[in-house]
Amino acid sequence: MPKNTIQKIIGAENSQPQHFNKNKIWTKSFISAIIVVIVLGIISLFIGVYDIWGQEDGRNMFFITRVPRTVSLMLTGAAMSMSGLVMQLITQNRLVESTTTGTIEWAGLGLIFVYLVIPAPTLVQRMTGAILFSFAGTMIFFWFLRRVKLRSSLIVPIIGMMLGAVISAISTFIGLVFKMTQNIETWFVGSFASVQIGRYEYLWLIVMVTFFIFIYADKLTLVGLGEDITTSLGLNYNKIVIFGTALISFVVGIVAVVIGNLPFLGLIVPNIVSMYRGDDLRSNLPWVCVLGMGTVTVCDIISRTIIMPFEVPVYLILGTVGAVVFIVILLRQRRIR
């Protein structure tokens, strides 16, 4: 299928009028956004209770903890924002992401299952369990959406959160039976405090996921236009959905094991980008990555400075901001209706 045909259809179906300058990536505003994120990264490197200048091992601690933490902020922010964008395209719903579909709860259930089967699992084994369960849970959610006709798009995230609550209750019950409650609470608290050399390296696999999403950007965008249009162009709708779900599950599984739960990040960033740039995944992806990096870095800086010398888990900051944005989006959709 010719690439220009896909782009014409995407432009015709897009709800917002697209202009040529919106599809350009390297604009002044995008370069400015990159500069801001770089500045935030530098600030993150030099924020912390440990005195890296006055201690003898300060230089070593800088590369053992500060650099891995800042890199993890950037990779995680880009990963969760991308997963939210892809999930919103697949479901054709602006209010969907891993937090509102139960994907992160399925990943936690996968972690528990791995610990039950393997008493002392490695990081790779935990990631494998989280990825497989998050994939299965997300597919169950998509299957339910295709079988049930919903009159309002607002019902979709409600169903997802209800499903996530059920899975979370099952995980809690298993944790109480097998005395794993403390581990469960730790997994669902998103924090970068424990990130250091030897723990964060698997996050670099997110770069590979970004590459695949960019390669298949046009096909994923077509999926967002509906099954009929995708099929009429000779593409296999179900295969593309499964591939997109696999990418989402891979990202969520890795982040859940290494960092924990980062609520509403995949909801905030893609919606802000789509409001100003439309729904073209290929041109929006760099913006989503950069804004995701900046959002997580800002929240982490706040979490480290708000009650110094103590640190607030970053998921509390993200959850507060994300809940406000979620309500604003709901009210905005209601006003449009």
Protein backbone atom coordinates (compact mmCIF):
# COMPACT_ATOMS: atom_id res chain seq x y z
CA MET A 1 0.00 0.00 0.00
CA PRO A 2 1.50 3.38 -0.99
CA LYS A 3 2.54 5.54 1.88
CA ASN A 4 0.96 8.68 0.40
CA THR A 5 -2.42 6.91 0.28
CA ILE A 6 -2.27 6.28 4.01
CA GLN A 7 -1.32 9.88 4.71
CA LYS A 8 -4.20 11.21 2.58
CA ILE A 9 -6.72 9.05 4.41
CA ILE A 10 -5.29 10.05 7.78
CA GLY A 11 -5.58 13.70 6.83
CA ALA A 12 -9.14 13.25 5.57
CA GLU A 13 -10.35 11.46 8.68
CA ASN A 14 -8.59 13.65 11.20
CA SER A 15 -11.00 15.60 13.35
CA GLN A 16 -8.78 18.69 13.42
CA PRO A 17 -7.65 20.62 10.36
CA GLN A 18 -4.03 19.83 9.71
CA HIS A 19 -1.53 22.31 8.33
CA PHE A 20 1.82 21.57 6.88
CA ASN A 21 3.72 23.22 9.70
CA LYS A 22 1.98 20.96 12.24
CA ASN A 23 3.38 17.86 10.57
CA LYS A 24 6.92 19.19 10.67
CA ILE A 25 8.95 17.85 13.57
CA TRP A 26 12.01 20.09 13.82
CA THR A 27 10.28 23.37 14.55
CA LYS A 28 11.42 26.15 16.86
CA SER A 29 8.92 25.10 19.51
CA PHE A 30 10.11 21.48 19.40
CA ILE A 31 13.77 22.52 19.70
CA SER A 32 12.81 24.77 22.62
CA ALA A 33 11.04 21.84 24.30
CA ILE A 34 14.18 19.69 23.92
CA ILE A 35 16.30 22.45 25.47
CA VAL A 36 13.91 22.72 28.42
CA VAL A 37 14.06 18.95 28.98
CA ILE A 38 17.87 19.02 28.87
CA VAL A 39 17.90 21.81 31.47
CA LEU A 40 15.53 19.79 33.67
CA GLY A 41 17.83 16.78 33.31
CA ILE A 42 20.83 18.85 34.44
CA ILE A 43 18.86 20.14 37.43
CA SER A 44 17.91 16.56 38.30
CA LEU A 45 21.56 15.51 38.28
CA PHE A 46 22.45 18.00 41.00
CA ILE A 47 19.44 17.62 43.30
CA GLY A 48 19.75 15.28 46.25
CA VAL A 49 20.58 15.03 49.93
CA TYR A 50 23.98 13.41 49.39
CA ASP A 51 26.76 15.96 48.99
CA ILE A 52 28.52 14.87 45.79
CA TRP A 53 30.97 17.79 46.01
CA GLY A 54 32.04 17.57 49.65
CA GLN A 55 32.41 13.78 50.01
CA GLU A 56 35.38 11.73 48.83
CA ASP A 57 33.18 9.26 47.00
CA GLY A 58 30.94 12.01 45.64
CA ARG A 59 32.06 11.46 42.05
CA ASN A 60 31.35 7.73 42.28
CA MET A 61 27.91 8.33 43.79
CA PHE A 62 27.15 10.78 40.99
CA PHE A 63 27.58 8.06 38.37
CA ILE A 64 26.14 5.26 40.52
CA THR A 65 22.85 6.97 41.46
CA ARG A 66 22.33 10.43 39.93
CA VAL A 67 23.06 9.61 36.27
CA PRO A 68 21.05 6.34 36.25
CA ARG A 69 18.15 8.11 37.95
CA THR A 70 18.04 10.94 35.41
CA VAL A 71 18.31 8.52 32.49
CA SER A 72 15.50 6.43 34.00
CA LEU A 73 13.32 9.53 34.27
CA MET A 74 13.78 10.27 30.58
CA LEU A 75 13.24 6.70 29.37
CA THR A 76 10.26 6.03 31.63
CA GLY A 77 8.55 9.29 30.75
CA ALA A 78 8.87 8.59 27.04
CA ALA A 79 7.79 4.95 27.45
CA MET A 80 4.58 5.49 29.41
CA SER A 81 3.55 8.44 27.25
CA MET A 82 4.05 6.39 24.08
CA SER A 83 2.10 3.45 25.48
CA GLY A 84 -0.80 5.76 26.31
CA LEU A 85 -0.76 7.24 22.81
CA VAL A 86 -0.81 3.82 21.12
CA MET A 87 -3.53 2.53 23.43
CA GLN A 88 -5.71 5.56 22.72
CA LEU A 89 -5.35 4.97 18.97
CA ILE A 90 -6.23 1.29 19.24
CA THR A 91 -9.31 1.90 21.38
CA GLN A 92 -10.27 5.17 19.64
CA ASN A 93 -10.72 6.70 23.08
CA ARG A 94 -8.88 9.70 24.58
CA LEU A 95 -9.39 8.55 28.16
CA VAL A 96 -7.56 5.24 27.91
CA GLU A 97 -4.07 4.36 29.15
CA SER A 98 -2.45 1.68 31.30
CA THR A 99 -3.90 3.15 34.51
CA THR A 100 -7.48 3.26 33.22
CA THR A 101 -7.47 -0.19 31.58
CA GLY A 102 -6.10 -2.33 34.41
CA THR A 103 -2.87 -3.08 32.52
CA ILE A 104 -0.64 -2.09 35.43
CA GLU A 105 -2.71 -4.23 37.83
CA TRP A 106 -2.32 -7.24 35.50
CA ALA A 107 1.43 -6.62 35.51
CA GLY A 108 1.39 -6.72 39.31
CA LEU A 109 -0.53 -9.99 39.23
CA GLY A 110 2.14 -11.36 36.91
CA LEU A 111 4.83 -10.39 39.40
CA ILE A 112 3.01 -12.23 42.17
CA PHE A 113 2.63 -15.32 39.99
CA VAL A 114 6.36 -15.33 39.26
CA TYR A 115 7.18 -15.12 42.97
CA LEU A 116 4.82 -18.00 43.69
CA VAL A 117 6.43 -20.21 41.03
CA ILE A 118 10.03 -19.10 41.54
CA PRO A 119 10.99 -18.26 45.15
CA ALA A 120 13.88 -15.94 44.20
CA PRO A 121 13.26 -14.77 40.61
CA THR A 122 15.72 -12.68 38.67
CA LEU A 123 14.83 -9.29 37.23
CA VAL A 124 14.38 -10.82 33.77
CA GLN A 125 12.00 -13.48 35.11
CA ARG A 126 9.93 -10.84 36.90
CA MET A 127 9.79 -8.74 33.73
CA THR A 128 8.69 -11.76 31.70
CA GLY A 129 5.81 -12.48 34.06
CA ALA A 130 4.72 -8.83 34.16
CA ILE A 131 4.84 -8.53 30.36
CA LEU A 132 2.86 -11.73 29.71
CA PHE A 133 0.14 -10.91 32.23
CA SER A 134 -0.17 -7.29 31.12
CA PHE A 135 -0.53 -8.49 27.51
CA ALA A 136 -3.21 -11.01 28.47
CA GLY A 137 -5.07 -8.48 30.59
CA THR A 138 -5.00 -5.77 27.92
CA MET A 139 -6.28 -8.22 25.30
CA ILE A 140 -9.13 -9.19 27.63
CA PHE A 141 -10.00 -5.51 27.98
CA PHE A 142 -9.96 -5.00 24.18
CA TRP A 143 -12.01 -8.16 23.66
CA PHE A 144 -14.64 -6.88 26.08
CA LEU A 145 -14.82 -3.51 24.31
CA ARG A 146 -15.40 -5.22 20.96
CA ARG A 147 -18.15 -7.46 22.34
CA VAL A 148 -20.06 -4.78 24.23
CA LYS A 149 -21.55 -1.75 22.49
CA LEU A 150 -21.03 1.30 24.64
CA ARG A 151 -23.04 4.45 24.05
CA SER A 152 -20.54 6.77 25.71
CA SER A 153 -16.75 6.88 25.53
CA LEU A 154 -16.71 7.89 29.19
CA ILE A 155 -17.80 4.38 30.17
CA VAL A 156 -14.61 2.83 28.71
CA PRO A 157 -12.13 4.06 31.36
CA ILE A 158 -14.67 3.35 34.09
CA ILE A 159 -14.86 -0.28 32.96
CA GLY A 160 -11.07 -0.43 32.78
CA MET A 161 -10.65 0.93 36.31
CA MET A 162 -13.29 -1.49 37.61
CA LEU A 163 -11.43 -4.38 35.98
CA GLY A 164 -8.18 -3.10 37.45
CA ALA A 165 -9.78 -2.92 40.91
CA VAL A 166 -10.87 -6.56 40.64
CA ILE A 167 -7.38 -7.69 39.60
CA SER A 168 -5.84 -5.58 42.38
CA ALA A 169 -8.16 -7.23 44.90
CA ILE A 170 -7.10 -10.67 43.67
CA SER A 171 -3.43 -9.68 44.00
CA THR A 172 -4.03 -8.39 47.52
CA PHE A 173 -5.81 -11.60 48.51
CA ILE A 174 -2.96 -13.74 47.19
CA GLY A 175 -0.48 -11.47 48.96
CA LEU A 176 -2.31 -11.89 52.27
CA VAL A 177 -2.50 -15.67 51.90
CA PHE A 178 1.18 -16.07 51.03
CA LYS A 179 2.43 -13.15 53.19
CA MET A 180 3.54 -10.98 50.28
CA THR A 181 1.56 -7.82 51.11
CA GLN A 182 4.64 -5.67 51.62
CA ASN A 183 6.03 -6.63 48.23
CA ILE A 184 2.73 -5.78 46.55
CA GLU A 185 2.66 -2.32 48.11
CA THR A 186 6.23 -1.70 46.98
CA TRP A 187 5.50 -2.68 43.37
CA PHE A 188 2.54 -0.29 43.05
CA VAL A 189 4.41 2.70 44.45
CA GLY A 190 6.20 4.38 41.56
CA SER A 191 9.48 5.79 42.83
CA PHE A 192 12.96 6.41 41.42
CA ALA A 193 14.69 6.36 44.81
CA SER A 194 16.06 2.84 44.35
CA VAL A 195 17.36 3.36 40.81
CA GLN A 196 21.09 2.79 40.45
CA ILE A 197 23.64 1.02 38.29
CA GLY A 198 22.69 -2.62 37.75
CA ARG A 199 18.95 -2.02 38.08
CA TYR A 200 17.91 0.46 35.40
CA GLU A 201 19.72 -0.91 32.32
CA TYR A 202 16.69 -2.85 31.04
CA LEU A 203 14.91 0.47 30.51
CA TRP A 204 17.11 0.97 27.43
CA LEU A 205 14.93 -1.64 25.70
CA ILE A 206 12.35 1.13 25.49
CA VAL A 207 14.43 2.67 22.69
CA MET A 208 13.77 -0.47 20.64
CA VAL A 209 10.02 -0.15 21.27
CA THR A 210 10.15 3.48 20.13
CA PHE A 211 11.80 2.38 16.91
CA PHE A 212 9.07 -0.18 16.18
CA ILE A 213 6.30 2.29 16.97
CA PHE A 214 7.82 4.83 14.60
CA ILE A 215 8.20 2.23 11.84
CA TYR A 216 4.57 1.11 12.16
CA ALA A 217 3.22 4.59 12.91
CA ASP A 218 1.05 4.83 9.77
CA LYS A 219 -0.56 1.44 10.34
CA LEU A 220 -1.26 2.19 14.00
CA THR A 221 -2.80 5.51 13.00
CA LEU A 222 -5.07 3.70 10.52
CA VAL A 223 -6.21 1.36 13.30
CA GLY A 224 -7.33 4.47 15.15
CA LEU A 225 -9.63 5.29 12.22
CA GLY A 226 -11.57 2.07 12.64
CA GLU A 227 -11.64 -1.57 11.54
CA ASP A 228 -13.58 -0.89 8.33
CA ILE A 229 -11.09 1.63 6.96
CA THR A 230 -8.10 -0.51 7.98
CA THR A 231 -9.55 -3.62 6.32
CA SER A 232 -10.59 -1.73 3.16
CA LEU A 233 -6.94 -0.73 2.66
CA GLY A 234 -5.81 -4.36 2.72
CA LEU A 235 -4.40 -4.42 6.24
CA ASN A 236 -5.08 -7.04 8.90
CA TYR A 237 -6.76 -5.10 11.70
CA ASN A 238 -6.41 -7.82 14.35
CA LYS A 239 -2.70 -8.36 13.71
CA ILE A 240 -1.96 -4.66 14.05
CA VAL A 241 -3.96 -4.51 17.30
CA ILE A 242 -2.08 -7.50 18.69
CA PHE A 243 1.25 -5.99 17.68
CA GLY A 244 0.38 -2.65 19.29
CA THR A 245 -0.80 -4.41 22.44
CA ALA A 246 2.45 -6.39 22.60
CA LEU A 247 4.46 -3.14 22.46
CA ILE A 248 2.32 -1.61 25.21
CA SER A 249 2.65 -4.69 27.42
CA PHE A 250 6.40 -4.82 26.90
CA VAL A 251 6.81 -1.23 28.04
CA VAL A 252 4.41 -1.48 30.99
CA GLY A 253 5.99 -4.74 32.18
CA ILE A 254 9.49 -3.29 32.24
CA VAL A 255 8.44 -0.05 33.94
CA ALA A 256 6.30 -1.91 36.51
CA VAL A 257 9.25 -4.07 37.59
CA VAL A 258 11.97 -1.41 37.58
CA ILE A 259 10.05 1.69 38.71
CA GLY A 260 6.47 0.83 39.69
CA ASN A 261 3.14 2.48 38.94
CA LEU A 262 3.17 5.90 37.25
CA PRO A 263 -0.52 6.85 37.04
CA PHE A 264 -2.11 9.02 34.35
CA LEU A 265 1.15 9.81 32.54
CA GLY A 266 -0.04 8.10 29.37
CA LEU A 267 -3.27 10.10 29.63
CA ILE A 268 -1.90 13.61 30.20
CA VAL A 269 0.80 13.89 27.54
CA PRO A 270 -0.93 12.33 24.47
CA ASN A 271 -4.08 14.39 25.07
CA ILE A 272 -2.15 17.64 25.29
CA VAL A 273 -0.23 16.83 22.11
CA SER A 274 -3.34 15.70 20.23
CA MET A 275 -5.21 18.87 21.17
CA TYR A 276 -2.65 20.98 19.33
CA ARG A 277 -1.37 18.64 16.64
CA GLY A 278 -4.15 16.20 15.72
CA ASP A 279 -3.84 12.41 15.56
CA ASP A 280 -0.90 11.71 13.23
CA LEU A 281 1.19 9.27 15.27
CA ARG A 282 4.37 9.69 13.23
CA SER A 283 4.60 13.46 13.70
CA ASN A 284 3.26 13.38 17.28
CA LEU A 285 5.58 10.66 18.60
CA PRO A 286 8.66 12.90 19.12
CA TRP A 287 6.50 15.48 20.90
CA VAL A 288 4.95 12.83 23.13
CA CYS A 289 8.38 11.47 24.07
CA VAL A 290 9.84 14.88 24.88
CA LEU A 291 6.84 16.09 26.88
CA GLY A 292 6.69 12.76 28.72
CA MET A 293 10.34 13.14 29.71
CA GLY A 294 9.77 16.68 30.93
CA THR A 295 6.64 15.79 32.88
CA VAL A 296 8.24 12.93 34.81
CA THR A 297 11.41 14.92 35.47
CA VAL A 298 9.45 17.90 36.86
CA CYS A 299 7.39 15.60 39.10
CA ASP A 300 10.53 13.85 40.34
CA ILE A 301 12.25 17.16 41.12
CA ILE A 302 9.18 18.24 43.11
CA SER A 303 9.09 14.90 44.93
CA ARG A 304 12.73 15.32 46.01
CA THR A 305 12.50 18.93 47.13
CA ILE A 306 9.02 19.36 48.62
CA ILE A 307 9.94 17.86 52.03
CA MET A 308 13.74 17.63 51.88
CA PRO A 309 15.70 15.77 53.18
CA PHE A 310 12.92 13.21 52.74
CA GLU A 311 11.46 12.14 49.42
CA VAL A 312 7.86 11.72 48.29
CA PRO A 313 7.16 8.88 45.80
CA VAL A 314 6.78 10.39 42.37
CA TYR A 315 3.54 8.50 41.79
CA LEU A 316 1.84 10.75 44.38
CA ILE A 317 2.73 13.87 42.39
CA LEU A 318 1.76 12.28 39.08
CA GLY A 319 -1.46 10.91 40.54
CA THR A 320 -2.50 14.33 41.85
CA VAL A 321 -1.71 16.18 38.63
CA GLY A 322 -3.10 13.40 36.47
CA ALA A 323 -6.38 13.25 38.37
CA VAL A 324 -6.91 16.98 37.85
CA VAL A 325 -6.14 16.71 34.13
CA PHE A 326 -8.40 13.66 33.86
CA ILE A 327 -11.32 15.65 35.32
CA VAL A 328 -10.59 18.58 33.00
CA ILE A 329 -10.65 16.27 29.96
CA LEU A 330 -13.95 14.76 31.11
CA LEU A 331 -15.51 18.20 31.51
CA ARG A 332 -14.12 19.30 28.16
CA GLN A 333 -15.65 16.29 26.37
CA ARG A 334 -18.97 16.92 28.08
CA ARG A 335 -18.90 20.57 26.97
CA ILE A 336 -18.18 19.52 23.38
CA ARG A 337 -21.11 17.08 23.46
